[in-house]
Every structure is written in C-alpha cells, then in structure tokens.
Amino acid sequence: MNATTNRSGYAFARVPIARVVTQLQALAMREYDEVGQKDLDRLCVDWGRYRELDEAGKLATFIAKKGEQIVGYAVFIVQTHIHYSDALVAANSAIYIAPEARAGRVVLNLLRFAEAGLQAQGVRKVYYHVKREKDFGRLLERIGYRDSERMFAKVIGSVGGEVV
C-alpha cells in the first residue's frame, strides 16, 4: 500500500478494495443519499465484482483517511481502451469525500494522489464522470483536465416493479 500524509493530518493511500470494503459501504450510502441516481430502484453495489476486478489488476482504489476513519475514495476501472488498444486508461467508477472532510485541499490532494498512482501504473488517460448535482469540473480543469464530452442517461426498464 502506497501512502502519504499531509500537514492537515489526512492520509492518502492506494489499497486493495477487500481491505476497506466495510468502510466504503458506509460511505457509498452517504454518497447515494447525497448524489445517487434516485431514478433507479436502489443502491446495490456489486462489491464482489469490484473484488474480481481488483484481483485481475483492473481496479485502482484510492482512499483519504483522518486517523483510522476513511473519509473519501476514488475508485477507477483500469483497462486498455477498446478503441485504442495500446492505451491503458482509467475510468472513474466512484468518487466521494464526506462533507466534513471537504474543507481545505482534501479533495484536490486525493485527486492528485490518485492521478500519480494511476500514472505509475502506466495509465495514459483518466476519465471522470461529473454529476450535474455536484459538479467538480472546475476543480478538474484546475489540475489539467478538460471537458471533453457529455453523458446522457434514461431509465428504460422497470423501477420497483413499475414500468417507467
């Protein structure tokens, strides 16, 4: 586990997801309550699939901690791009920092730590999906990312047994 601690006492680390899944489950519920896709039935994270991806070397999980408590995460699916098979890319699957840890540079430091870890792994390009409700695009632009495309979504199946 690579780790670093900053002056404010927050530590940043890359970890196997299996080691932190219990704490991530609690934070994932907080993320869902704050910005989750409520048009789908409910949050139902496939933690087993995350573990499989991690074991296959296709998942990168970065955390922010204050003491022993995880206060944030950035999780990426890492694989070769289907259109550029010689390029290893990372697509952000989930990113969240608890509101009580958002002051200062915790978010920025987690983003930078994750990027450095991905680069060390050989990743050539990183993708983030940014929710309109919690748009952190300006922060990403500040560290060199650019707004390159938009994503649209529509529920086309049933929700809770009701057709939408």
N, C-alpha and C. Protein backbone atom coordinates (compact mmCIF):
# COMPACT_ATOMS: atom_id res chain seq x y z
N MET A 1 0.84 -1.18 0.00
CA MET A 1 0.00 0.00 0.00
C MET A 1 0.89 1.24 0.00
N ASN A 2 0.77 2.05 -1.06
CA ASN A 2 1.47 3.33 -1.11
C ASN A 2 0.65 4.34 -0.32
N ALA A 3 1.31 5.15 0.50
CA ALA A 3 0.57 6.11 1.31
C ALA A 3 1.38 7.38 1.51
N THR A 4 0.65 8.46 1.76
CA THR A 4 1.27 9.73 2.09
C THR A 4 0.34 10.47 3.05
N THR A 5 0.89 11.28 3.93
CA THR A 5 0.10 12.07 4.87
C THR A 5 0.44 13.53 4.67
N ASN A 6 -0.60 14.39 4.67
CA ASN A 6 -0.33 15.81 4.50
C ASN A 6 -0.34 16.53 5.85
N ARG A 7 -0.06 17.83 5.82
CA ARG A 7 0.06 18.62 7.06
C ARG A 7 -1.22 18.69 7.88
N SER A 8 -2.36 18.55 7.22
CA SER A 8 -3.63 18.64 7.95
C SER A 8 -4.00 17.32 8.63
N GLY A 9 -3.15 16.31 8.49
CA GLY A 9 -3.40 15.04 9.16
C GLY A 9 -4.18 14.04 8.34
N TYR A 10 -4.49 14.37 7.09
CA TYR A 10 -5.15 13.41 6.22
C TYR A 10 -4.10 12.54 5.55
N ALA A 11 -4.40 11.27 5.48
CA ALA A 11 -3.51 10.32 4.81
C ALA A 11 -4.20 9.85 3.53
N PHE A 12 -3.41 9.60 2.51
CA PHE A 12 -3.91 9.14 1.23
C PHE A 12 -3.19 7.85 0.88
N ALA A 13 -3.95 6.87 0.41
CA ALA A 13 -3.34 5.57 0.14
C ALA A 13 -4.07 4.88 -1.00
N ARG A 14 -3.33 4.00 -1.66
CA ARG A 14 -3.94 3.07 -2.61
C ARG A 14 -4.05 1.74 -1.88
N VAL A 15 -5.23 1.14 -1.92
CA VAL A 15 -5.48 -0.07 -1.14
C VAL A 15 -6.24 -1.09 -1.96
N PRO A 16 -6.08 -2.37 -1.62
CA PRO A 16 -6.96 -3.38 -2.21
C PRO A 16 -8.37 -3.15 -1.66
N ILE A 17 -9.36 -3.21 -2.51
CA ILE A 17 -10.72 -2.87 -2.07
C ILE A 17 -11.22 -3.82 -0.98
N ALA A 18 -10.78 -5.07 -1.00
CA ALA A 18 -11.24 -6.04 0.00
C ALA A 18 -10.86 -5.61 1.42
N ARG A 19 -9.77 -4.86 1.57
CA ARG A 19 -9.32 -4.42 2.90
C ARG A 19 -10.19 -3.32 3.49
N VAL A 20 -10.91 -2.60 2.64
CA VAL A 20 -11.65 -1.43 3.12
C VAL A 20 -13.14 -1.47 2.78
N VAL A 21 -13.62 -2.60 2.29
CA VAL A 21 -14.98 -2.65 1.77
C VAL A 21 -16.03 -2.27 2.81
N THR A 22 -15.85 -2.64 4.06
CA THR A 22 -16.86 -2.32 5.09
C THR A 22 -17.00 -0.80 5.25
N GLN A 23 -15.87 -0.10 5.34
CA GLN A 23 -15.94 1.36 5.47
C GLN A 23 -16.45 2.01 4.19
N LEU A 24 -16.09 1.44 3.03
CA LEU A 24 -16.56 2.01 1.77
C LEU A 24 -18.06 1.84 1.61
N GLN A 25 -18.60 0.75 2.12
CA GLN A 25 -20.05 0.53 2.04
C GLN A 25 -20.80 1.65 2.75
N ALA A 26 -20.33 2.03 3.92
CA ALA A 26 -20.99 3.11 4.68
C ALA A 26 -20.87 4.44 3.93
N LEU A 27 -19.69 4.72 3.39
CA LEU A 27 -19.51 5.96 2.63
C LEU A 27 -20.33 5.94 1.34
N ALA A 28 -20.45 4.79 0.70
CA ALA A 28 -21.23 4.69 -0.54
C ALA A 28 -22.69 5.03 -0.28
N MET A 29 -23.21 4.65 0.87
CA MET A 29 -24.59 5.01 1.21
C MET A 29 -24.73 6.53 1.39
N ARG A 30 -23.71 7.14 2.00
CA ARG A 30 -23.74 8.60 2.14
C ARG A 30 -23.69 9.27 0.77
N GLU A 31 -22.86 8.72 -0.12
CA GLU A 31 -22.77 9.27 -1.48
C GLU A 31 -24.13 9.15 -2.18
N TYR A 32 -24.74 7.97 -2.06
CA TYR A 32 -26.04 7.75 -2.70
C TYR A 32 -27.08 8.73 -2.17
N ASP A 33 -27.10 8.92 -0.85
CA ASP A 33 -28.06 9.85 -0.26
C ASP A 33 -27.86 11.27 -0.81
N GLU A 34 -26.61 11.63 -1.06
CA GLU A 34 -26.29 12.99 -1.50
C GLU A 34 -26.45 13.17 -3.00
N VAL A 35 -25.95 12.26 -3.80
CA VAL A 35 -25.93 12.47 -5.25
C VAL A 35 -26.30 11.23 -6.07
N GLY A 36 -26.83 10.21 -5.43
CA GLY A 36 -27.14 8.96 -6.14
C GLY A 36 -28.24 9.11 -7.17
N GLN A 37 -28.28 8.18 -8.10
CA GLN A 37 -29.30 8.16 -9.14
C GLN A 37 -30.59 7.59 -8.56
N LYS A 38 -31.46 8.45 -8.08
CA LYS A 38 -32.68 8.02 -7.42
C LYS A 38 -33.72 7.49 -8.40
N ASP A 39 -33.49 7.66 -9.70
CA ASP A 39 -34.44 7.13 -10.67
C ASP A 39 -34.28 5.62 -10.85
N LEU A 40 -33.23 5.06 -10.30
CA LEU A 40 -33.08 3.62 -10.28
C LEU A 40 -33.62 3.11 -8.95
N ASP A 41 -33.91 1.84 -8.88
CA ASP A 41 -34.63 1.27 -7.75
C ASP A 41 -33.97 1.55 -6.40
N ARG A 42 -32.67 1.26 -6.29
CA ARG A 42 -31.95 1.46 -5.03
C ARG A 42 -30.46 1.26 -5.30
N LEU A 43 -29.65 1.66 -4.36
CA LEU A 43 -28.22 1.41 -4.47
C LEU A 43 -27.97 -0.08 -4.23
N CYS A 44 -27.23 -0.70 -5.11
CA CYS A 44 -26.95 -2.13 -4.98
C CYS A 44 -25.55 -2.38 -5.58
N VAL A 45 -24.53 -1.91 -4.88
CA VAL A 45 -23.15 -2.01 -5.36
C VAL A 45 -22.75 -3.48 -5.46
N ASP A 46 -22.13 -3.85 -6.55
CA ASP A 46 -21.64 -5.22 -6.74
C ASP A 46 -20.21 -5.28 -6.20
N TRP A 47 -20.09 -5.41 -4.88
CA TRP A 47 -18.78 -5.42 -4.23
C TRP A 47 -17.95 -6.63 -4.68
N GLY A 48 -18.62 -7.73 -4.97
CA GLY A 48 -17.92 -8.91 -5.47
C GLY A 48 -17.26 -8.64 -6.81
N ARG A 49 -17.95 -7.91 -7.66
CA ARG A 49 -17.38 -7.56 -8.97
C ARG A 49 -16.19 -6.63 -8.80
N TYR A 50 -16.29 -5.68 -7.88
CA TYR A 50 -15.14 -4.82 -7.59
C TYR A 50 -13.94 -5.67 -7.15
N ARG A 51 -14.18 -6.64 -6.27
CA ARG A 51 -13.09 -7.52 -5.82
C ARG A 51 -12.48 -8.29 -6.99
N GLU A 52 -13.33 -8.81 -7.88
CA GLU A 52 -12.84 -9.54 -9.06
C GLU A 52 -11.96 -8.65 -9.93
N LEU A 53 -12.42 -7.44 -10.16
CA LEU A 53 -11.63 -6.50 -10.97
C LEU A 53 -10.30 -6.20 -10.29
N ASP A 54 -10.33 -6.03 -8.97
CA ASP A 54 -9.11 -5.75 -8.23
C ASP A 54 -8.13 -6.91 -8.35
N GLU A 55 -8.63 -8.12 -8.16
CA GLU A 55 -7.78 -9.31 -8.26
C GLU A 55 -7.20 -9.48 -9.65
N ALA A 56 -7.91 -9.01 -10.68
CA ALA A 56 -7.45 -9.10 -12.06
C ALA A 56 -6.53 -7.93 -12.44
N GLY A 57 -6.28 -7.01 -11.49
CA GLY A 57 -5.44 -5.85 -11.77
C GLY A 57 -6.14 -4.77 -12.56
N LYS A 58 -7.47 -4.77 -12.54
CA LYS A 58 -8.24 -3.81 -13.33
C LYS A 58 -9.02 -2.82 -12.47
N LEU A 59 -8.63 -2.70 -11.21
CA LEU A 59 -9.28 -1.75 -10.32
C LEU A 59 -8.20 -1.02 -9.53
N ALA A 60 -8.39 0.26 -9.38
CA ALA A 60 -7.48 1.07 -8.55
C ALA A 60 -8.34 1.82 -7.54
N THR A 61 -8.10 1.56 -6.26
CA THR A 61 -8.88 2.18 -5.18
C THR A 61 -7.96 3.05 -4.35
N PHE A 62 -8.31 4.32 -4.27
CA PHE A 62 -7.54 5.30 -3.50
C PHE A 62 -8.45 5.83 -2.41
N ILE A 63 -7.89 6.01 -1.21
CA ILE A 63 -8.69 6.50 -0.09
C ILE A 63 -8.03 7.71 0.57
N ALA A 64 -8.87 8.48 1.24
CA ALA A 64 -8.42 9.56 2.11
C ALA A 64 -8.86 9.17 3.52
N LYS A 65 -7.94 9.29 4.48
CA LYS A 65 -8.24 8.92 5.86
C LYS A 65 -7.88 10.04 6.80
N LYS A 66 -8.63 10.13 7.87
CA LYS A 66 -8.30 11.01 9.00
C LYS A 66 -8.22 10.07 10.19
N GLY A 67 -7.02 9.84 10.67
CA GLY A 67 -6.83 8.81 11.70
C GLY A 67 -7.11 7.46 11.08
N GLU A 68 -7.98 6.70 11.69
CA GLU A 68 -8.34 5.37 11.16
C GLU A 68 -9.61 5.40 10.32
N GLN A 69 -10.23 6.56 10.23
CA GLN A 69 -11.52 6.68 9.53
C GLN A 69 -11.33 7.08 8.08
N ILE A 70 -11.86 6.28 7.16
CA ILE A 70 -11.86 6.65 5.74
C ILE A 70 -12.91 7.73 5.53
N VAL A 71 -12.50 8.84 4.94
CA VAL A 71 -13.41 9.96 4.71
C VAL A 71 -13.68 10.20 3.24
N GLY A 72 -12.99 9.45 2.37
CA GLY A 72 -13.22 9.62 0.95
C GLY A 72 -12.57 8.53 0.14
N TYR A 73 -13.02 8.43 -1.10
CA TYR A 73 -12.45 7.42 -2.00
C TYR A 73 -12.53 7.89 -3.45
N ALA A 74 -11.67 7.32 -4.24
CA ALA A 74 -11.71 7.46 -5.70
C ALA A 74 -11.39 6.08 -6.25
N VAL A 75 -12.34 5.51 -6.98
CA VAL A 75 -12.20 4.14 -7.49
C VAL A 75 -12.24 4.20 -9.01
N PHE A 76 -11.31 3.50 -9.64
CA PHE A 76 -11.17 3.52 -11.10
C PHE A 76 -11.15 2.12 -11.68
N ILE A 77 -11.80 1.96 -12.82
CA ILE A 77 -11.67 0.75 -13.62
C ILE A 77 -10.51 1.02 -14.57
N VAL A 78 -9.51 0.14 -14.57
CA VAL A 78 -8.29 0.33 -15.36
C VAL A 78 -8.20 -0.78 -16.39
N GLN A 79 -8.15 -0.38 -17.66
CA GLN A 79 -8.04 -1.37 -18.73
C GLN A 79 -7.60 -0.68 -20.02
N THR A 80 -7.27 -1.48 -21.01
CA THR A 80 -6.94 -0.87 -22.30
C THR A 80 -8.22 -0.34 -22.92
N HIS A 81 -8.10 0.75 -23.63
CA HIS A 81 -9.25 1.38 -24.28
C HIS A 81 -9.65 0.53 -25.47
N ILE A 82 -10.93 0.30 -25.64
CA ILE A 82 -11.39 -0.57 -26.71
C ILE A 82 -11.11 0.02 -28.10
N HIS A 83 -11.01 1.34 -28.21
CA HIS A 83 -10.71 1.97 -29.49
C HIS A 83 -9.23 2.27 -29.69
N TYR A 84 -8.47 2.23 -28.61
CA TYR A 84 -7.02 2.49 -28.65
C TYR A 84 -6.35 1.40 -27.82
N SER A 85 -6.23 0.22 -28.39
CA SER A 85 -5.84 -0.95 -27.62
C SER A 85 -4.43 -0.89 -27.05
N ASP A 86 -3.64 0.08 -27.49
CA ASP A 86 -2.30 0.22 -26.92
C ASP A 86 -2.27 1.25 -25.78
N ALA A 87 -3.44 1.74 -25.39
CA ALA A 87 -3.51 2.77 -24.34
C ALA A 87 -4.24 2.25 -23.12
N LEU A 88 -3.55 2.23 -21.99
CA LEU A 88 -4.17 1.88 -20.72
C LEU A 88 -4.87 3.13 -20.20
N VAL A 89 -6.16 2.99 -19.88
CA VAL A 89 -6.95 4.13 -19.42
C VAL A 89 -7.62 3.79 -18.09
N ALA A 90 -8.02 4.83 -17.37
CA ALA A 90 -8.72 4.66 -16.10
C ALA A 90 -10.01 5.45 -16.15
N ALA A 91 -11.13 4.77 -15.93
CA ALA A 91 -12.43 5.43 -15.87
C ALA A 91 -12.88 5.46 -14.42
N ASN A 92 -13.15 6.66 -13.93
CA ASN A 92 -13.58 6.78 -12.55
C ASN A 92 -14.94 6.13 -12.37
N SER A 93 -15.01 5.17 -11.48
CA SER A 93 -16.25 4.48 -11.18
C SER A 93 -17.00 5.19 -10.07
N ALA A 94 -16.28 5.70 -9.11
CA ALA A 94 -16.91 6.39 -7.98
C ALA A 94 -15.88 7.31 -7.33
N ILE A 95 -16.36 8.47 -6.91
CA ILE A 95 -15.52 9.39 -6.14
C ILE A 95 -16.42 10.07 -5.12
N TYR A 96 -15.93 10.14 -3.89
CA TYR A 96 -16.73 10.77 -2.84
C TYR A 96 -15.81 11.18 -1.70
N ILE A 97 -16.07 12.37 -1.18
CA ILE A 97 -15.44 12.86 0.04
C ILE A 97 -16.57 13.27 0.97
N ALA A 98 -16.54 12.77 2.19
CA ALA A 98 -17.57 13.14 3.17
C ALA A 98 -17.58 14.65 3.36
N PRO A 99 -18.76 15.26 3.51
CA PRO A 99 -18.84 16.72 3.64
C PRO A 99 -17.92 17.30 4.72
N GLU A 100 -17.77 16.60 5.84
CA GLU A 100 -16.93 17.13 6.92
C GLU A 100 -15.44 17.15 6.57
N ALA A 101 -15.06 16.51 5.46
CA ALA A 101 -13.65 16.49 5.06
C ALA A 101 -13.39 17.32 3.80
N ARG A 102 -14.37 18.06 3.34
CA ARG A 102 -14.21 18.80 2.09
C ARG A 102 -13.50 20.14 2.24
N ALA A 103 -13.33 20.60 3.44
CA ALA A 103 -12.63 21.87 3.63
C ALA A 103 -11.14 21.69 3.30
N GLY A 104 -10.50 22.76 2.98
CA GLY A 104 -9.08 22.68 2.68
C GLY A 104 -8.85 22.02 1.32
N ARG A 105 -7.80 21.24 1.24
CA ARG A 105 -7.41 20.65 -0.04
C ARG A 105 -7.52 19.13 -0.07
N VAL A 106 -8.39 18.57 0.74
CA VAL A 106 -8.51 17.11 0.80
C VAL A 106 -8.92 16.54 -0.55
N VAL A 107 -9.93 17.12 -1.18
CA VAL A 107 -10.39 16.63 -2.47
C VAL A 107 -9.27 16.75 -3.50
N LEU A 108 -8.67 17.91 -3.57
CA LEU A 108 -7.58 18.15 -4.52
C LEU A 108 -6.42 17.18 -4.28
N ASN A 109 -6.07 16.97 -3.04
CA ASN A 109 -4.97 16.05 -2.73
C ASN A 109 -5.31 14.61 -3.09
N LEU A 110 -6.56 14.20 -2.88
CA LEU A 110 -6.95 12.85 -3.28
C LEU A 110 -6.88 12.70 -4.80
N LEU A 111 -7.37 13.70 -5.52
CA LEU A 111 -7.31 13.65 -6.99
C LEU A 111 -5.87 13.54 -7.47
N ARG A 112 -5.01 14.35 -6.92
CA ARG A 112 -3.59 14.33 -7.33
C ARG A 112 -2.92 13.01 -6.95
N PHE A 113 -3.22 12.50 -5.76
CA PHE A 113 -2.62 11.24 -5.32
C PHE A 113 -3.07 10.10 -6.24
N ALA A 114 -4.36 10.08 -6.56
CA ALA A 114 -4.88 9.04 -7.45
C ALA A 114 -4.24 9.14 -8.83
N GLU A 115 -4.15 10.34 -9.35
CA GLU A 115 -3.54 10.52 -10.68
C GLU A 115 -2.09 10.03 -10.69
N ALA A 116 -1.34 10.36 -9.67
CA ALA A 116 0.06 9.91 -9.60
C ALA A 116 0.12 8.38 -9.53
N GLY A 117 -0.77 7.76 -8.76
CA GLY A 117 -0.80 6.31 -8.67
C GLY A 117 -1.16 5.66 -9.99
N LEU A 118 -2.12 6.24 -10.69
CA LEU A 118 -2.51 5.70 -11.99
C LEU A 118 -1.39 5.86 -13.01
N GLN A 119 -0.75 7.00 -12.98
CA GLN A 119 0.36 7.23 -13.90
C GLN A 119 1.49 6.23 -13.64
N ALA A 120 1.78 5.96 -12.38
CA ALA A 120 2.82 5.00 -12.03
C ALA A 120 2.46 3.59 -12.53
N GLN A 121 1.18 3.32 -12.65
CA GLN A 121 0.70 2.03 -13.15
C GLN A 121 0.79 1.94 -14.68
N GLY A 122 1.02 3.07 -15.33
CA GLY A 122 1.11 3.07 -16.79
C GLY A 122 -0.12 3.61 -17.49
N VAL A 123 -1.07 4.14 -16.72
CA VAL A 123 -2.28 4.72 -17.30
C VAL A 123 -1.90 5.96 -18.11
N ARG A 124 -2.47 6.07 -19.31
CA ARG A 124 -2.19 7.22 -20.17
C ARG A 124 -3.27 8.27 -20.16
N LYS A 125 -4.51 7.87 -19.83
CA LYS A 125 -5.61 8.83 -19.82
C LYS A 125 -6.58 8.47 -18.71
N VAL A 126 -7.10 9.49 -18.04
CA VAL A 126 -8.06 9.30 -16.94
C VAL A 126 -9.36 9.99 -17.32
N TYR A 127 -10.46 9.30 -17.07
CA TYR A 127 -11.79 9.83 -17.34
C TYR A 127 -12.56 9.98 -16.04
N TYR A 128 -13.26 11.11 -15.88
CA TYR A 128 -14.17 11.32 -14.75
C TYR A 128 -15.56 11.62 -15.30
N HIS A 129 -16.58 11.02 -14.69
CA HIS A 129 -17.97 11.40 -14.93
C HIS A 129 -18.32 12.37 -13.82
N VAL A 130 -18.85 13.52 -14.19
CA VAL A 130 -19.16 14.55 -13.20
C VAL A 130 -20.67 14.76 -13.16
N LYS A 131 -21.26 14.54 -12.01
CA LYS A 131 -22.70 14.72 -11.86
C LYS A 131 -23.03 16.21 -11.84
N ARG A 132 -24.11 16.57 -12.49
CA ARG A 132 -24.54 17.97 -12.52
C ARG A 132 -24.86 18.48 -11.11
N GLU A 133 -25.38 17.59 -10.25
CA GLU A 133 -25.78 18.00 -8.90
C GLU A 133 -24.59 18.35 -8.02
N LYS A 134 -23.45 17.77 -8.28
CA LYS A 134 -22.23 18.05 -7.52
C LYS A 134 -21.08 18.19 -8.51
N ASP A 135 -21.13 19.25 -9.26
CA ASP A 135 -20.19 19.47 -10.35
C ASP A 135 -18.84 19.94 -9.82
N PHE A 136 -17.84 19.08 -9.94
CA PHE A 136 -16.48 19.45 -9.54
C PHE A 136 -15.58 19.60 -10.77
N GLY A 137 -16.21 19.89 -11.90
CA GLY A 137 -15.48 20.08 -13.15
C GLY A 137 -14.45 21.20 -13.08
N ARG A 138 -14.79 22.29 -12.40
CA ARG A 138 -13.82 23.39 -12.30
C ARG A 138 -12.55 22.96 -11.57
N LEU A 139 -12.71 22.11 -10.57
CA LEU A 139 -11.55 21.60 -9.85
C LEU A 139 -10.71 20.72 -10.78
N LEU A 140 -11.37 19.87 -11.55
CA LEU A 140 -10.65 19.03 -12.51
C LEU A 140 -9.92 19.89 -13.55
N GLU A 141 -10.59 20.93 -14.04
CA GLU A 141 -9.94 21.83 -15.00
C GLU A 141 -8.71 22.49 -14.38
N ARG A 142 -8.80 22.82 -13.12
CA ARG A 142 -7.68 23.46 -12.41
C ARG A 142 -6.42 22.59 -12.42
N ILE A 143 -6.62 21.26 -12.46
CA ILE A 143 -5.45 20.37 -12.45
C ILE A 143 -5.20 19.73 -13.82
N GLY A 144 -5.74 20.37 -14.87
CA GLY A 144 -5.37 20.00 -16.22
C GLY A 144 -6.34 19.15 -17.01
N TYR A 145 -7.48 18.80 -16.44
CA TYR A 145 -8.47 18.04 -17.19
C TYR A 145 -9.29 18.99 -18.04
N ARG A 146 -9.90 18.46 -19.10
CA ARG A 146 -10.77 19.30 -19.92
C ARG A 146 -12.10 18.60 -20.11
N ASP A 147 -13.12 19.41 -20.26
CA ASP A 147 -14.47 18.91 -20.51
C ASP A 147 -14.50 18.41 -21.95
N SER A 148 -14.56 17.07 -22.12
CA SER A 148 -14.39 16.53 -23.46
C SER A 148 -15.65 15.91 -24.06
N GLU A 149 -16.62 15.57 -23.25
CA GLU A 149 -17.88 15.04 -23.78
C GLU A 149 -18.93 15.07 -22.69
N ARG A 150 -20.19 14.88 -23.09
CA ARG A 150 -21.28 14.83 -22.13
C ARG A 150 -21.87 13.43 -22.13
N MET A 151 -22.53 13.09 -21.04
CA MET A 151 -23.17 11.79 -20.92
C MET A 151 -24.66 12.01 -20.68
N PHE A 152 -25.48 11.26 -21.39
CA PHE A 152 -26.92 11.34 -21.20
C PHE A 152 -27.41 10.00 -20.67
N ALA A 153 -28.47 10.02 -19.88
CA ALA A 153 -29.00 8.79 -19.30
C ALA A 153 -30.52 8.82 -19.31
N LYS A 154 -31.12 7.64 -19.46
CA LYS A 154 -32.56 7.49 -19.43
C LYS A 154 -32.88 6.10 -18.89
N VAL A 155 -33.79 6.03 -17.94
CA VAL A 155 -34.24 4.74 -17.44
C VAL A 155 -35.25 4.20 -18.45
N ILE A 156 -35.00 2.98 -18.94
CA ILE A 156 -35.89 2.41 -19.96
C ILE A 156 -36.56 1.12 -19.50
N GLY A 157 -36.27 0.71 -18.28
CA GLY A 157 -36.87 -0.52 -17.75
C GLY A 157 -37.74 -0.22 -16.57
N SER A 158 -38.11 -1.25 -15.86
CA SER A 158 -38.99 -1.08 -14.71
C SER A 158 -38.20 -0.65 -13.48
N VAL A 159 -38.87 0.07 -12.60
CA VAL A 159 -38.32 0.53 -11.35
C VAL A 159 -39.27 0.08 -10.26
N GLY A 160 -38.78 -0.78 -9.36
CA GLY A 160 -39.62 -1.27 -8.28
C GLY A 160 -40.88 -1.95 -8.78
N GLY A 161 -40.79 -2.61 -9.94
CA GLY A 161 -41.94 -3.31 -10.49
C GLY A 161 -42.83 -2.44 -11.37
N GLU A 162 -42.58 -1.14 -11.40
CA GLU A 162 -43.40 -0.24 -12.22
C GLU A 162 -42.62 0.12 -13.48
N VAL A 163 -43.30 0.05 -14.61
CA VAL A 163 -42.67 0.42 -15.87
C VAL A 163 -42.64 1.95 -15.95
N VAL A 164 -41.49 2.46 -16.33
CA VAL A 164 -41.35 3.93 -16.43
C VAL A 164 -41.35 4.36 -17.87
